[in-house]
Amino acid sequence: MLAAGQRSHRVRFERRVPGDDDGYSNSLPENWTVQVMVWAVFRPKFGHEQLEAGRLESSMQGR
């Protein structure tokens, strides 16, 4: 059950697969293939900022 303000998202996990041969000894570029698609909820943890390369970097972590 979702609490107020939470959003459910469709999340896709992918895996990179090597490209095939086109039949003329040329390799085709790598592709991404979907492994699984699931519904997920992101619960953020607030207040995480760090100093990186002399400037303030803000990132969002959660679970």
Protein backbone atom coordinates (compact mmCIF):
# COMPACT_ATOMS: atom_id res chain seq x y z
CA MET A 1 0.00 0.00 0.00
CA LEU A 2 1.38 3.42 -0.94
CA ALA A 3 1.41 6.24 1.57
CA ALA A 4 0.40 9.79 0.63
CA GLY A 5 2.92 11.45 -1.67
CA GLN A 6 4.59 8.24 -2.82
CA ARG A 7 4.55 7.28 -6.46
CA SER A 8 4.81 3.89 -8.00
CA HIS A 9 7.11 3.60 -11.04
CA ARG A 10 7.70 0.98 -13.67
CA VAL A 11 11.39 0.00 -13.43
CA ARG A 12 13.26 -1.84 -16.17
CA PHE A 13 16.48 -3.79 -15.51
CA GLU A 14 18.58 -4.21 -18.65
CA ARG A 15 21.72 -6.06 -19.64
CA ARG A 16 24.20 -5.10 -22.35
CA VAL A 17 24.72 -7.76 -25.01
CA PRO A 18 27.53 -7.74 -27.58
CA GLY A 19 26.71 -6.89 -31.18
CA ASP A 20 26.50 -9.56 -33.84
CA ASP A 21 28.38 -9.90 -37.10
CA ASP A 22 26.56 -8.41 -40.12
CA GLY A 23 27.76 -11.19 -42.44
CA TYR A 24 30.53 -9.07 -43.96
CA SER A 25 32.97 -9.32 -41.01
CA ASN A 26 31.69 -6.02 -39.60
CA SER A 27 30.65 -6.04 -35.98
CA LEU A 28 27.37 -4.36 -35.12
CA PRO A 29 27.10 -2.09 -32.05
CA GLU A 30 26.21 -3.44 -28.64
CA ASN A 31 22.56 -3.52 -27.63
CA TRP A 32 20.62 -3.52 -24.38
CA THR A 33 18.09 -6.23 -23.65
CA VAL A 34 15.40 -6.12 -20.97
CA GLN A 35 15.89 -8.68 -18.21
CA VAL A 36 12.84 -7.86 -16.09
CA MET A 37 10.26 -5.07 -15.62
CA VAL A 38 8.74 -4.52 -12.17
CA TRP A 39 6.77 -1.91 -10.23
CA ALA A 40 8.83 -0.05 -7.62
CA VAL A 41 8.55 2.78 -5.09
CA PHE A 42 11.44 5.12 -4.34
CA ARG A 43 11.73 6.24 -0.71
CA PRO A 44 14.26 9.09 -0.50
CA LYS A 45 16.67 9.78 2.35
CA PHE A 46 17.14 13.55 2.60
CA GLY A 47 20.06 15.71 3.69
CA HIS A 48 22.94 14.16 1.74
CA GLU A 49 25.28 16.75 0.27
CA GLN A 50 29.01 16.50 -0.27
CA LEU A 51 31.85 18.74 -1.31
CA GLU A 52 33.47 17.46 -4.49
CA ALA A 53 36.11 19.24 -6.60
CA GLY A 54 35.57 22.49 -4.72
CA ARG A 55 31.83 22.68 -5.34
CA LEU A 56 28.78 21.44 -3.50
CA GLU A 57 27.31 18.31 -5.03
CA SER A 58 23.83 17.23 -4.13
CA SER A 59 22.70 13.67 -4.65
CA MET A 60 19.57 11.83 -3.69
CA GLN A 61 19.84 8.47 -2.02
CA GLY A 62 16.99 6.24 -1.10
CA ARG A 63 15.69 2.76 -1.02
